[in-house]
Amino acid sequence: MVREMQHEQEMEWDEKYHEMRRVPKKKRPTHQTGSLLLLVQLTACGIVLAAVLILRLMGGQVLDTVKSWYWEHLNSSIVAQEDWEEVETRFLDLIPADQESDGTVSS
């Protein structure tokens, strides 16, 4: 009888342990971030396309002004252009003077 009670208690503990160990799977949100990004990109492209079409329909001085601005800024880069000699000079300024003379770098 005592054994049966111990066995039942162990079974109950095992069930509780396994129940506590169960981790519910996280469900993905229905609106994923990838589709949100795509929606934003498509909206931006649609707005630009609509603006270009309106400008084409209006024509005249407004279109010429926008065209000239576009051609002036076409090759402008978002990435800053660096002069590599200046970068090298600034990098060498970071190295202490005693390491420059013998040409070795200690780690």
C-alpha atoms as a PDB file:
ATOM      1  CA  MET A   1       0.000   0.000   0.000  1.00  0.00           C
ATOM      2  CA  VAL A   2       2.802   2.381   0.892  1.00  0.00           C
ATOM      3  CA  ARG A   3       4.522   1.458  -2.354  1.00  0.00           C
ATOM      4  CA  GLU A   4       1.391   2.248  -4.321  1.00  0.00           C
ATOM      5  CA  MET A   5       1.133   5.657  -2.674  1.00  0.00           C
ATOM      6  CA  GLN A   6       4.798   6.371  -3.369  1.00  0.00           C
ATOM      7  CA  HIS A   7       4.352   5.288  -6.952  1.00  0.00           C
ATOM      8  CA  GLU A   8       1.294   7.529  -7.366  1.00  0.00           C
ATOM      9  CA  GLN A   9       3.128  10.446  -5.806  1.00  0.00           C
ATOM     10  CA  GLU A  10       6.108   9.921  -8.116  1.00  0.00           C
ATOM     11  CA  MET A  11       3.813   9.748 -11.121  1.00  0.00           C
ATOM     12  CA  GLU A  12       2.118  12.966 -10.019  1.00  0.00           C
ATOM     13  CA  TRP A  13       5.491  14.686  -9.597  1.00  0.00           C
ATOM     14  CA  ASP A  14       6.607  13.443 -13.008  1.00  0.00           C
ATOM     15  CA  GLU A  15       3.462  14.857 -14.595  1.00  0.00           C
ATOM     16  CA  LYS A  16       3.940  18.206 -12.865  1.00  0.00           C
ATOM     17  CA  TYR A  17       7.607  18.290 -13.876  1.00  0.00           C
ATOM     18  CA  HIS A  18       6.851  17.546 -17.505  1.00  0.00           C
ATOM     19  CA  GLU A  19       4.001  20.047 -17.491  1.00  0.00           C
ATOM     20  CA  MET A  20       6.288  22.751 -16.126  1.00  0.00           C
ATOM     21  CA  ARG A  21       8.991  21.877 -18.672  1.00  0.00           C
ATOM     22  CA  ARG A  22       6.653  22.303 -21.598  1.00  0.00           C
ATOM     23  CA  VAL A  23       7.381  25.598 -23.257  1.00  0.00           C
ATOM     24  CA  PRO A  24       4.614  26.826 -25.500  1.00  0.00           C
ATOM     25  CA  LYS A  25       5.752  27.558 -29.027  1.00  0.00           C
ATOM     26  CA  LYS A  26       5.701  31.227 -29.843  1.00  0.00           C
ATOM     27  CA  LYS A  27       3.397  32.014 -32.678  1.00  0.00           C
ATOM     28  CA  ARG A  28       4.623  34.421 -35.307  1.00  0.00           C
ATOM     29  CA  PRO A  29       2.624  37.585 -35.635  1.00  0.00           C
ATOM     30  CA  THR A  30       0.297  37.548 -38.575  1.00  0.00           C
ATOM     31  CA  HIS A  31       1.843  40.754 -39.936  1.00  0.00           C
ATOM     32  CA  GLN A  32       5.550  39.984 -40.320  1.00  0.00           C
ATOM     33  CA  THR A  33       8.175  42.716 -40.523  1.00  0.00           C
ATOM     34  CA  GLY A  34       9.299  41.616 -43.979  1.00  0.00           C
ATOM     35  CA  SER A  35       5.896  42.251 -45.464  1.00  0.00           C
ATOM     36  CA  LEU A  36       5.718  45.614 -43.669  1.00  0.00           C
ATOM     37  CA  LEU A  37       9.024  46.644 -45.241  1.00  0.00           C
ATOM     38  CA  LEU A  38       7.762  45.576 -48.651  1.00  0.00           C
ATOM     39  CA  LEU A  39       4.604  47.609 -48.128  1.00  0.00           C
ATOM     40  CA  VAL A  40       6.624  50.711 -47.224  1.00  0.00           C
ATOM     41  CA  GLN A  41       8.897  50.261 -50.258  1.00  0.00           C
ATOM     42  CA  LEU A  42       5.960  49.799 -52.636  1.00  0.00           C
ATOM     43  CA  THR A  43       4.220  52.853 -51.188  1.00  0.00           C
ATOM     44  CA  ALA A  44       7.343  54.997 -51.595  1.00  0.00           C
ATOM     45  CA  CYS A  45       7.803  53.809 -55.190  1.00  0.00           C
ATOM     46  CA  GLY A  46       4.149  54.530 -55.937  1.00  0.00           C
ATOM     47  CA  ILE A  47       4.447  58.061 -54.568  1.00  0.00           C
ATOM     48  CA  VAL A  48       7.592  58.730 -56.623  1.00  0.00           C
ATOM     49  CA  LEU A  49       5.960  57.302 -59.750  1.00  0.00           C
ATOM     50  CA  ALA A  50       2.850  59.432 -59.243  1.00  0.00           C
ATOM     51  CA  ALA A  51       4.977  62.556 -58.727  1.00  0.00           C
ATOM     52  CA  VAL A  52       6.953  61.863 -61.924  1.00  0.00           C
ATOM     53  CA  LEU A  53       3.791  61.303 -63.942  1.00  0.00           C
ATOM     54  CA  ILE A  54       2.238  64.511 -62.622  1.00  0.00           C
ATOM     55  CA  LEU A  55       5.409  66.428 -63.510  1.00  0.00           C
ATOM     56  CA  ARG A  56       5.387  64.934 -67.011  1.00  0.00           C
ATOM     57  CA  LEU A  57       1.770  65.962 -67.479  1.00  0.00           C
ATOM     58  CA  MET A  58       2.406  69.478 -66.188  1.00  0.00           C
ATOM     59  CA  GLY A  59       5.541  69.887 -68.302  1.00  0.00           C
ATOM     60  CA  GLY A  60       6.961  73.365 -68.814  1.00  0.00           C
ATOM     61  CA  GLN A  61       9.246  75.143 -66.405  1.00  0.00           C
ATOM     62  CA  VAL A  62       8.523  72.866 -63.405  1.00  0.00           C
ATOM     63  CA  LEU A  63       9.639  69.792 -65.332  1.00  0.00           C
ATOM     64  CA  ASP A  64      12.787  71.558 -66.570  1.00  0.00           C
ATOM     65  CA  THR A  65      13.647  72.675 -63.037  1.00  0.00           C
ATOM     66  CA  VAL A  66      13.229  69.157 -61.638  1.00  0.00           C
ATOM     67  CA  LYS A  67      15.223  67.634 -64.521  1.00  0.00           C
ATOM     68  CA  SER A  68      18.110  70.049 -64.040  1.00  0.00           C
ATOM     69  CA  TRP A  69      18.160  69.400 -60.275  1.00  0.00           C
ATOM     70  CA  TYR A  70      18.126  65.623 -60.892  1.00  0.00           C
ATOM     71  CA  TRP A  71      20.998  65.723 -63.394  1.00  0.00           C
ATOM     72  CA  GLU A  72      23.074  67.918 -61.048  1.00  0.00           C
ATOM     73  CA  HIS A  73      22.630  65.506 -58.142  1.00  0.00           C
ATOM     74  CA  LEU A  74      22.655  62.248 -60.082  1.00  0.00           C
ATOM     75  CA  ASN A  75      26.232  61.315 -59.243  1.00  0.00           C
ATOM     76  CA  SER A  76      26.146  62.606 -55.688  1.00  0.00           C
ATOM     77  CA  SER A  77      26.954  59.792 -53.331  1.00  0.00           C
ATOM     78  CA  ILE A  78      25.542  59.207 -49.897  1.00  0.00           C
ATOM     79  CA  VAL A  79      28.892  57.711 -48.890  1.00  0.00           C
ATOM     80  CA  ALA A  80      31.448  60.394 -48.171  1.00  0.00           C
ATOM     81  CA  GLN A  81      34.460  60.349 -50.462  1.00  0.00           C
ATOM     82  CA  GLU A  82      37.692  60.062 -48.523  1.00  0.00           C
ATOM     83  CA  ASP A  83      41.156  61.054 -49.584  1.00  0.00           C
ATOM     84  CA  TRP A  84      43.188  57.905 -48.881  1.00  0.00           C
ATOM     85  CA  GLU A  85      46.363  59.840 -48.169  1.00  0.00           C
ATOM     86  CA  GLU A  86      44.550  61.781 -45.469  1.00  0.00           C
ATOM     87  CA  VAL A  87      43.157  58.541 -44.006  1.00  0.00           C
ATOM     88  CA  GLU A  88      46.650  57.014 -43.949  1.00  0.00           C
ATOM     89  CA  THR A  89      48.076  60.122 -42.279  1.00  0.00           C
ATOM     90  CA  ARG A  90      45.390  60.094 -39.593  1.00  0.00           C
ATOM     91  CA  PHE A  91      45.904  56.370 -39.022  1.00  0.00           C
ATOM     92  CA  LEU A  92      49.647  56.794 -38.644  1.00  0.00           C
ATOM     93  CA  ASP A  93      49.029  59.595 -36.138  1.00  0.00           C
ATOM     94  CA  LEU A  94      47.319  57.035 -33.906  1.00  0.00           C
ATOM     95  CA  ILE A  95      50.445  54.891 -33.690  1.00  0.00           C
ATOM     96  CA  PRO A  96      52.865  55.980 -30.944  1.00  0.00           C
ATOM     97  CA  ALA A  97      56.146  57.540 -32.151  1.00  0.00           C
ATOM     98  CA  ASP A  98      58.391  54.784 -30.696  1.00  0.00           C
ATOM     99  CA  GLN A  99      56.648  52.106 -32.807  1.00  0.00           C
ATOM    100  CA  GLU A 100      57.002  54.133 -36.009  1.00  0.00           C
ATOM    101  CA  SER A 101      60.797  54.241 -35.767  1.00  0.00           C
ATOM    102  CA  ASP A 102      61.502  50.484 -35.574  1.00  0.00           C
ATOM    103  CA  GLY A 103      58.652  49.445 -37.898  1.00  0.00           C
ATOM    104  CA  THR A 104      57.310  46.729 -35.596  1.00  0.00           C
ATOM    105  CA  VAL A 105      53.965  46.605 -33.931  1.00  0.00           C
ATOM    106  CA  SER A 106      53.620  44.831 -30.597  1.00  0.00           C
ATOM    107  CA  SER A 107      50.399  43.113 -29.695  1.00  0.00           C
END
